Amino acid sequence: MLRGVDAINLDGKGRFSIPTKYRAVLEDHCESKLVVTANRERFLVLYPLPLWEETECKLKKLPTLNKTAMRFKRFILGYASQCDLDGHGRVLLPEKLRTFAGLEKRIVLSSQIDRFEIWSEEAWEQSVDAWLEDDNLDELKEVASDLVI
């Protein structure tokens, strides 16, 4: 189970350190084997390999004659890259993905229970501000009716 938001430095080679609190979980769950890909909202998604393999199976089932499905599939799979933890608990993000998501010095690692989102710190802060200002509570009530937070 992955929880929390962490602001992290990205080094000059495009690496960042996975916070210590997650390393044992990742080692146990996926032997520190990870896959990163892009999201349409200009952030990255970091998957443990077993979860990514499940996602690939679902993507494989998308209809090949459906233009929208194929664009989505090309986008997700085209940007996908395996990026395992090194011996120091770091992940190297490919340059094409860093550029796509606008990642430079400071990034935010946002835990999403079974995967991570990787944002530029600036984009994360802007998005959080926008989410807090969004007053569409009816839609939230509909999709999260069982949650009490």
N, C-alpha and C. Protein backbone atom coordinates (compact mmCIF):
# COMPACT_ATOMS: atom_id res chain seq x y z
N MET A 1 0.84 -1.17 0.00
CA MET A 1 0.00 0.00 0.00
C MET A 1 0.89 1.24 0.00
N LEU A 2 0.69 2.10 -0.96
CA LEU A 2 1.50 3.31 -1.11
C LEU A 2 0.65 4.52 -0.72
N ARG A 3 1.18 5.33 0.20
CA ARG A 3 0.43 6.49 0.68
C ARG A 3 1.35 7.69 0.83
N GLY A 4 0.83 8.86 0.49
CA GLY A 4 1.56 10.09 0.77
C GLY A 4 1.99 10.84 -0.47
N VAL A 5 2.46 12.06 -0.23
CA VAL A 5 2.99 12.94 -1.27
C VAL A 5 4.37 13.38 -0.81
N ASP A 6 5.35 13.25 -1.69
CA ASP A 6 6.72 13.60 -1.35
C ASP A 6 7.31 14.52 -2.41
N ALA A 7 7.92 15.63 -1.98
CA ALA A 7 8.67 16.50 -2.88
C ALA A 7 10.11 15.99 -2.89
N ILE A 8 10.65 15.80 -4.09
CA ILE A 8 11.94 15.13 -4.25
C ILE A 8 12.77 15.89 -5.28
N ASN A 9 14.09 15.83 -5.11
CA ASN A 9 15.00 16.42 -6.09
C ASN A 9 15.28 15.43 -7.21
N LEU A 10 15.34 15.94 -8.42
CA LEU A 10 15.74 15.18 -9.59
C LEU A 10 17.18 15.58 -9.88
N ASP A 11 18.09 14.61 -9.99
CA ASP A 11 19.49 14.98 -10.22
C ASP A 11 19.74 15.29 -11.69
N GLY A 12 20.95 15.70 -12.01
CA GLY A 12 21.31 16.11 -13.36
C GLY A 12 21.20 15.01 -14.40
N LYS A 13 21.21 13.76 -13.96
CA LYS A 13 21.09 12.62 -14.88
C LYS A 13 19.64 12.17 -15.05
N GLY A 14 18.72 12.83 -14.34
CA GLY A 14 17.31 12.47 -14.45
C GLY A 14 16.89 11.38 -13.48
N ARG A 15 17.65 11.23 -12.39
CA ARG A 15 17.32 10.21 -11.38
C ARG A 15 16.71 10.87 -10.16
N PHE A 16 15.87 10.10 -9.46
CA PHE A 16 15.37 10.54 -8.17
C PHE A 16 15.37 9.34 -7.24
N SER A 17 15.44 9.61 -5.95
CA SER A 17 15.43 8.55 -4.95
C SER A 17 14.01 8.27 -4.50
N ILE A 18 13.64 7.01 -4.56
CA ILE A 18 12.36 6.59 -4.00
C ILE A 18 12.47 6.72 -2.48
N PRO A 19 11.54 7.39 -1.82
CA PRO A 19 11.61 7.50 -0.36
C PRO A 19 11.74 6.13 0.30
N THR A 20 12.54 6.09 1.34
CA THR A 20 12.84 4.84 2.04
C THR A 20 11.59 4.08 2.45
N LYS A 21 10.54 4.81 2.84
CA LYS A 21 9.31 4.15 3.33
C LYS A 21 8.65 3.27 2.27
N TYR A 22 8.98 3.46 0.99
CA TYR A 22 8.37 2.67 -0.08
C TYR A 22 9.26 1.53 -0.59
N ARG A 23 10.54 1.59 -0.29
CA ARG A 23 11.48 0.66 -0.92
C ARG A 23 11.21 -0.80 -0.58
N ALA A 24 10.95 -1.10 0.68
CA ALA A 24 10.68 -2.49 1.07
C ALA A 24 9.40 -3.00 0.41
N VAL A 25 8.39 -2.15 0.33
CA VAL A 25 7.13 -2.54 -0.31
C VAL A 25 7.39 -2.88 -1.78
N LEU A 26 8.17 -2.04 -2.45
CA LEU A 26 8.45 -2.28 -3.87
C LEU A 26 9.32 -3.52 -4.06
N GLU A 27 10.27 -3.74 -3.16
CA GLU A 27 11.10 -4.94 -3.24
C GLU A 27 10.24 -6.19 -3.08
N ASP A 28 9.36 -6.18 -2.10
CA ASP A 28 8.50 -7.34 -1.84
C ASP A 28 7.49 -7.58 -2.96
N HIS A 29 6.91 -6.49 -3.45
CA HIS A 29 5.82 -6.60 -4.42
C HIS A 29 6.29 -6.87 -5.84
N CYS A 30 7.43 -6.27 -6.22
CA CYS A 30 7.81 -6.36 -7.63
C CYS A 30 9.31 -6.50 -7.84
N GLU A 31 10.04 -6.85 -6.78
CA GLU A 31 11.50 -6.98 -6.86
C GLU A 31 12.14 -5.71 -7.41
N SER A 32 11.54 -4.56 -7.08
CA SER A 32 12.02 -3.23 -7.49
C SER A 32 12.01 -3.03 -9.00
N LYS A 33 11.20 -3.79 -9.70
CA LYS A 33 11.05 -3.64 -11.15
C LYS A 33 9.83 -2.75 -11.42
N LEU A 34 10.06 -1.67 -12.15
CA LEU A 34 9.05 -0.65 -12.36
C LEU A 34 8.92 -0.30 -13.84
N VAL A 35 7.77 0.24 -14.20
CA VAL A 35 7.54 0.76 -15.54
C VAL A 35 6.93 2.15 -15.40
N VAL A 36 7.44 3.09 -16.19
CA VAL A 36 6.91 4.45 -16.17
C VAL A 36 6.34 4.77 -17.54
N THR A 37 5.25 5.52 -17.55
CA THR A 37 4.66 5.98 -18.80
C THR A 37 4.04 7.36 -18.59
N ALA A 38 3.57 7.94 -19.67
CA ALA A 38 3.00 9.28 -19.63
C ALA A 38 1.49 9.23 -19.40
N ASN A 39 0.96 10.32 -18.87
CA ASN A 39 -0.47 10.53 -18.72
C ASN A 39 -0.84 11.76 -19.54
N ARG A 40 -2.04 11.78 -20.09
CA ARG A 40 -2.48 12.91 -20.93
C ARG A 40 -2.41 14.25 -20.22
N GLU A 41 -2.47 14.25 -18.90
CA GLU A 41 -2.45 15.51 -18.15
C GLU A 41 -1.02 16.00 -17.89
N ARG A 42 -0.05 15.45 -18.58
CA ARG A 42 1.36 15.87 -18.52
C ARG A 42 2.03 15.56 -17.19
N PHE A 43 1.71 14.40 -16.63
CA PHE A 43 2.49 13.86 -15.53
C PHE A 43 2.83 12.42 -15.91
N LEU A 44 3.65 11.76 -15.10
CA LEU A 44 4.05 10.39 -15.37
C LEU A 44 3.39 9.46 -14.37
N VAL A 45 3.25 8.20 -14.75
CA VAL A 45 2.72 7.18 -13.85
C VAL A 45 3.78 6.09 -13.74
N LEU A 46 4.14 5.77 -12.49
CA LEU A 46 5.16 4.76 -12.20
C LEU A 46 4.46 3.53 -11.62
N TYR A 47 4.52 2.43 -12.35
CA TYR A 47 3.83 1.20 -11.98
C TYR A 47 4.81 0.14 -11.48
N PRO A 48 4.46 -0.61 -10.45
CA PRO A 48 5.18 -1.85 -10.18
C PRO A 48 4.97 -2.78 -11.39
N LEU A 49 5.99 -3.51 -11.78
CA LEU A 49 5.90 -4.33 -13.00
C LEU A 49 4.68 -5.24 -13.05
N PRO A 50 4.31 -5.97 -11.98
CA PRO A 50 3.12 -6.84 -12.09
C PRO A 50 1.84 -6.06 -12.43
N LEU A 51 1.68 -4.88 -11.86
CA LEU A 51 0.50 -4.06 -12.17
C LEU A 51 0.56 -3.58 -13.61
N TRP A 52 1.76 -3.21 -14.07
CA TRP A 52 1.91 -2.78 -15.46
C TRP A 52 1.54 -3.92 -16.42
N GLU A 53 1.97 -5.13 -16.10
CA GLU A 53 1.66 -6.27 -16.96
C GLU A 53 0.15 -6.49 -17.04
N GLU A 54 -0.57 -6.28 -15.94
CA GLU A 54 -2.04 -6.35 -15.97
C GLU A 54 -2.61 -5.27 -16.89
N THR A 55 -2.03 -4.08 -16.79
CA THR A 55 -2.47 -2.96 -17.63
C THR A 55 -2.22 -3.26 -19.10
N GLU A 56 -1.06 -3.83 -19.41
CA GLU A 56 -0.76 -4.20 -20.79
C GLU A 56 -1.78 -5.20 -21.34
N CYS A 57 -2.17 -6.16 -20.51
CA CYS A 57 -3.19 -7.14 -20.95
C CYS A 57 -4.50 -6.45 -21.29
N LYS A 58 -4.88 -5.46 -20.49
CA LYS A 58 -6.11 -4.71 -20.77
C LYS A 58 -5.96 -3.88 -22.04
N LEU A 59 -4.79 -3.27 -22.22
CA LEU A 59 -4.55 -2.47 -23.43
C LEU A 59 -4.59 -3.35 -24.68
N LYS A 60 -4.07 -4.55 -24.55
CA LYS A 60 -4.04 -5.49 -25.68
C LYS A 60 -5.45 -5.82 -26.15
N LYS A 61 -6.41 -5.79 -25.25
CA LYS A 61 -7.80 -6.14 -25.58
C LYS A 61 -8.58 -4.99 -26.23
N LEU A 62 -8.00 -3.79 -26.27
CA LEU A 62 -8.71 -2.67 -26.90
C LEU A 62 -8.91 -2.96 -28.38
N PRO A 63 -10.03 -2.52 -28.93
CA PRO A 63 -10.32 -2.81 -30.34
C PRO A 63 -9.35 -2.10 -31.29
N THR A 64 -8.72 -2.86 -32.16
CA THR A 64 -7.72 -2.29 -33.06
C THR A 64 -8.33 -1.44 -34.18
N LEU A 65 -9.61 -1.60 -34.43
CA LEU A 65 -10.25 -0.80 -35.47
C LEU A 65 -10.89 0.48 -34.92
N ASN A 66 -10.79 0.69 -33.62
CA ASN A 66 -11.32 1.89 -33.00
C ASN A 66 -10.20 2.93 -32.94
N LYS A 67 -10.39 4.03 -33.63
CA LYS A 67 -9.36 5.07 -33.76
C LYS A 67 -8.95 5.64 -32.40
N THR A 68 -9.92 5.94 -31.55
CA THR A 68 -9.63 6.51 -30.24
C THR A 68 -8.87 5.52 -29.37
N ALA A 69 -9.31 4.27 -29.38
CA ALA A 69 -8.63 3.23 -28.59
C ALA A 69 -7.19 3.06 -29.05
N MET A 70 -6.96 3.08 -30.35
CA MET A 70 -5.60 2.90 -30.87
C MET A 70 -4.71 4.09 -30.54
N ARG A 71 -5.26 5.29 -30.58
CA ARG A 71 -4.47 6.47 -30.19
C ARG A 71 -4.05 6.36 -28.72
N PHE A 72 -5.00 5.99 -27.89
CA PHE A 72 -4.72 5.83 -26.46
C PHE A 72 -3.64 4.76 -26.25
N LYS A 73 -3.80 3.64 -26.91
CA LYS A 73 -2.86 2.53 -26.79
C LYS A 73 -1.46 2.96 -27.26
N ARG A 74 -1.39 3.63 -28.40
CA ARG A 74 -0.09 4.10 -28.91
C ARG A 74 0.57 5.06 -27.93
N PHE A 75 -0.23 5.92 -27.36
CA PHE A 75 0.31 6.91 -26.42
C PHE A 75 0.88 6.22 -25.18
N ILE A 76 0.07 5.40 -24.53
CA ILE A 76 0.48 4.75 -23.28
C ILE A 76 1.65 3.81 -23.50
N LEU A 77 1.55 2.94 -24.50
CA LEU A 77 2.62 1.97 -24.75
C LEU A 77 3.86 2.62 -25.36
N GLY A 78 3.64 3.63 -26.19
CA GLY A 78 4.77 4.31 -26.82
C GLY A 78 5.69 5.00 -25.83
N TYR A 79 5.12 5.54 -24.78
CA TYR A 79 5.92 6.21 -23.76
C TYR A 79 6.41 5.27 -22.66
N ALA A 80 5.91 4.05 -22.62
CA ALA A 80 6.25 3.13 -21.53
C ALA A 80 7.73 2.73 -21.58
N SER A 81 8.33 2.71 -20.39
CA SER A 81 9.75 2.36 -20.29
C SER A 81 10.00 1.69 -18.94
N GLN A 82 10.72 0.57 -18.96
CA GLN A 82 11.08 -0.08 -17.70
C GLN A 82 12.20 0.73 -17.05
N CYS A 83 12.08 0.98 -15.76
CA CYS A 83 13.08 1.78 -15.04
C CYS A 83 13.18 1.27 -13.60
N ASP A 84 13.98 0.26 -13.40
CA ASP A 84 14.09 -0.39 -12.10
C ASP A 84 14.87 0.46 -11.11
N LEU A 85 14.64 0.20 -9.82
CA LEU A 85 15.43 0.85 -8.78
C LEU A 85 16.86 0.36 -8.87
N ASP A 86 17.82 1.28 -8.74
CA ASP A 86 19.22 0.86 -8.70
C ASP A 86 19.58 0.51 -7.26
N GLY A 87 20.83 0.19 -7.01
CA GLY A 87 21.27 -0.23 -5.68
C GLY A 87 21.16 0.83 -4.62
N HIS A 88 20.95 2.08 -5.03
CA HIS A 88 20.81 3.19 -4.08
C HIS A 88 19.35 3.65 -3.95
N GLY A 89 18.42 2.88 -4.51
CA GLY A 89 17.01 3.22 -4.41
C GLY A 89 16.57 4.33 -5.35
N ARG A 90 17.34 4.53 -6.43
CA ARG A 90 17.01 5.59 -7.38
C ARG A 90 16.37 5.02 -8.64
N VAL A 91 15.59 5.87 -9.28
CA VAL A 91 14.95 5.55 -10.56
C VAL A 91 15.45 6.56 -11.58
N LEU A 92 15.86 6.07 -12.74
CA LEU A 92 16.27 6.94 -13.84
C LEU A 92 15.08 7.10 -14.78
N LEU A 93 14.62 8.34 -14.92
CA LEU A 93 13.50 8.62 -15.82
C LEU A 93 14.05 8.95 -17.20
N PRO A 94 13.55 8.31 -18.25
CA PRO A 94 14.02 8.60 -19.60
C PRO A 94 13.80 10.07 -19.96
N GLU A 95 14.72 10.60 -20.73
CA GLU A 95 14.67 12.02 -21.10
C GLU A 95 13.36 12.39 -21.79
N LYS A 96 12.87 11.52 -22.70
CA LYS A 96 11.63 11.85 -23.42
C LYS A 96 10.46 12.03 -22.45
N LEU A 97 10.44 11.25 -21.37
CA LEU A 97 9.37 11.38 -20.39
C LEU A 97 9.57 12.60 -19.50
N ARG A 98 10.80 12.89 -19.14
CA ARG A 98 11.07 14.10 -18.34
C ARG A 98 10.64 15.34 -19.12
N THR A 99 10.96 15.36 -20.40
CA THR A 99 10.58 16.49 -21.25
C THR A 99 9.07 16.59 -21.37
N PHE A 100 8.41 15.47 -21.63
CA PHE A 100 6.95 15.46 -21.77
C PHE A 100 6.26 16.04 -20.55
N ALA A 101 6.72 15.66 -19.35
CA ALA A 101 6.07 16.08 -18.11
C ALA A 101 6.66 17.38 -17.54
N GLY A 102 7.64 17.96 -18.21
CA GLY A 102 8.24 19.21 -17.73
C GLY A 102 8.99 19.04 -16.43
N LEU A 103 9.63 17.89 -16.24
CA LEU A 103 10.36 17.62 -14.99
C LEU A 103 11.76 18.19 -15.08
N GLU A 104 12.11 18.99 -14.08
CA GLU A 104 13.45 19.57 -14.05
C GLU A 104 14.10 19.24 -12.72
N LYS A 105 14.18 20.20 -11.81
CA LYS A 105 14.88 19.97 -10.54
C LYS A 105 14.00 19.35 -9.46
N ARG A 106 12.81 19.88 -9.27
CA ARG A 106 11.93 19.44 -8.18
C ARG A 106 10.73 18.70 -8.76
N ILE A 107 10.48 17.52 -8.19
CA ILE A 107 9.32 16.74 -8.62
C ILE A 107 8.49 16.38 -7.39
N VAL A 108 7.28 15.96 -7.65
CA VAL A 108 6.40 15.47 -6.59
C VAL A 108 6.03 14.03 -6.93
N LEU A 109 6.20 13.16 -5.95
CA LEU A 109 5.82 11.75 -6.06
C LEU A 109 4.54 11.59 -5.25
N SER A 110 3.44 11.36 -5.95
CA SER A 110 2.13 11.25 -5.31
C SER A 110 1.70 9.78 -5.33
N SER A 111 1.58 9.20 -4.15
CA SER A 111 1.20 7.79 -4.04
C SER A 111 -0.28 7.62 -4.35
N GLN A 112 -0.59 6.58 -5.11
CA GLN A 112 -1.97 6.30 -5.52
C GLN A 112 -2.35 4.86 -5.18
N ILE A 113 -2.06 4.45 -3.97
CA ILE A 113 -2.36 3.13 -3.41
C ILE A 113 -1.48 2.03 -4.02
N ASP A 114 -1.54 1.86 -5.34
CA ASP A 114 -0.79 0.77 -5.97
C ASP A 114 0.20 1.24 -7.04
N ARG A 115 0.31 2.55 -7.21
CA ARG A 115 1.22 3.15 -8.20
C ARG A 115 1.54 4.56 -7.76
N PHE A 116 2.46 5.21 -8.46
CA PHE A 116 2.81 6.59 -8.16
C PHE A 116 2.51 7.47 -9.37
N GLU A 117 2.18 8.73 -9.08
CA GLU A 117 2.19 9.76 -10.11
C GLU A 117 3.43 10.61 -9.86
N ILE A 118 4.06 11.05 -10.95
CA ILE A 118 5.25 11.90 -10.86
C ILE A 118 4.93 13.20 -11.59
N TRP A 119 4.95 14.29 -10.84
CA TRP A 119 4.60 15.61 -11.36
C TRP A 119 5.79 16.56 -11.21
N SER A 120 5.85 17.57 -12.06
CA SER A 120 6.74 18.68 -11.75
C SER A 120 6.13 19.37 -10.53
N GLU A 121 6.96 19.89 -9.67
CA GLU A 121 6.44 20.52 -8.45
C GLU A 121 5.49 21.66 -8.78
N GLU A 122 5.84 22.44 -9.79
CA GLU A 122 5.00 23.58 -10.17
C GLU A 122 3.63 23.11 -10.69
N ALA A 123 3.63 22.10 -11.56
CA ALA A 123 2.36 21.59 -12.09
C ALA A 123 1.51 20.98 -10.99
N TRP A 124 2.15 20.29 -10.04
CA TRP A 124 1.41 19.70 -8.91
C TRP A 124 0.71 20.80 -8.11
N GLU A 125 1.45 21.84 -7.75
CA GLU A 125 0.88 22.92 -6.94
C GLU A 125 -0.26 23.61 -7.67
N GLN A 126 -0.10 23.85 -8.97
CA GLN A 126 -1.17 24.47 -9.76
C GLN A 126 -2.40 23.57 -9.82
N SER A 127 -2.17 22.28 -10.00
CA SER A 127 -3.29 21.33 -10.07
C SER A 127 -4.03 21.23 -8.75
N VAL A 128 -3.29 21.18 -7.64
CA VAL A 128 -3.93 21.11 -6.33
C VAL A 128 -4.78 22.36 -6.11
N ASP A 129 -4.23 23.53 -6.44
CA ASP A 129 -5.00 24.77 -6.30
C ASP A 129 -6.28 24.71 -7.14
N ALA A 130 -6.18 24.21 -8.36
CA ALA A 130 -7.36 24.12 -9.23
C ALA A 130 -8.37 23.13 -8.67
N TRP A 131 -7.90 22.00 -8.15
CA TRP A 131 -8.81 21.01 -7.57
C TRP A 131 -9.55 21.58 -6.37
N LEU A 132 -8.84 22.36 -5.55
CA LEU A 132 -9.46 22.94 -4.36
C LEU A 132 -10.50 24.00 -4.72
N GLU A 133 -10.30 24.66 -5.85
CA GLU A 133 -11.24 25.69 -6.29
C GLU A 133 -12.43 25.11 -7.06
N ASP A 134 -12.30 23.88 -7.52
CA ASP A 134 -13.36 23.24 -8.30
C ASP A 134 -14.57 23.01 -7.39
N ASP A 135 -15.69 23.58 -7.77
CA ASP A 135 -16.88 23.47 -6.92
C ASP A 135 -17.89 22.46 -7.46
N ASN A 136 -17.45 21.53 -8.27
CA ASN A 136 -18.35 20.52 -8.82
C ASN A 136 -18.52 19.38 -7.82
N LEU A 137 -19.13 19.68 -6.70
CA LEU A 137 -19.30 18.69 -5.64
C LEU A 137 -20.32 17.61 -5.99
N ASP A 138 -21.25 17.93 -6.86
CA ASP A 138 -22.25 16.92 -7.23
C ASP A 138 -21.59 15.72 -7.90
N GLU A 139 -20.66 15.99 -8.80
CA GLU A 139 -19.96 14.88 -9.47
C GLU A 139 -19.13 14.08 -8.47
N LEU A 140 -18.46 14.76 -7.55
CA LEU A 140 -17.67 14.07 -6.54
C LEU A 140 -18.57 13.20 -5.66
N LYS A 141 -19.71 13.73 -5.27
CA LYS A 141 -20.65 12.95 -4.45
C LYS A 141 -21.09 11.69 -5.18
N GLU A 142 -21.23 11.80 -6.49
CA GLU A 142 -21.67 10.65 -7.29
C GLU A 142 -20.60 9.57 -7.36
N VAL A 143 -19.34 9.96 -7.59
CA VAL A 143 -18.28 8.95 -7.78
C VAL A 143 -17.70 8.46 -6.46
N ALA A 144 -17.87 9.22 -5.39
CA ALA A 144 -17.27 8.83 -4.10
C ALA A 144 -18.31 8.80 -3.00
N SER A 145 -19.48 8.32 -3.32
CA SER A 145 -20.59 8.37 -2.36
C SER A 145 -20.35 7.53 -1.11
N ASP A 146 -19.54 6.50 -1.18
CA ASP A 146 -19.30 5.63 -0.03
C ASP A 146 -18.17 6.12 0.88
N LEU A 147 -17.47 7.17 0.47
CA LEU A 147 -16.34 7.66 1.26
C LEU A 147 -16.78 8.73 2.24
N VAL A 148 -16.23 8.66 3.44
CA VAL A 148 -16.44 9.70 4.43
C VAL A 148 -15.05 10.21 4.81
N ILE A 149 -14.73 11.41 4.35
CA ILE A 149 -13.39 11.96 4.61
C ILE A 149 -13.55 13.35 5.19
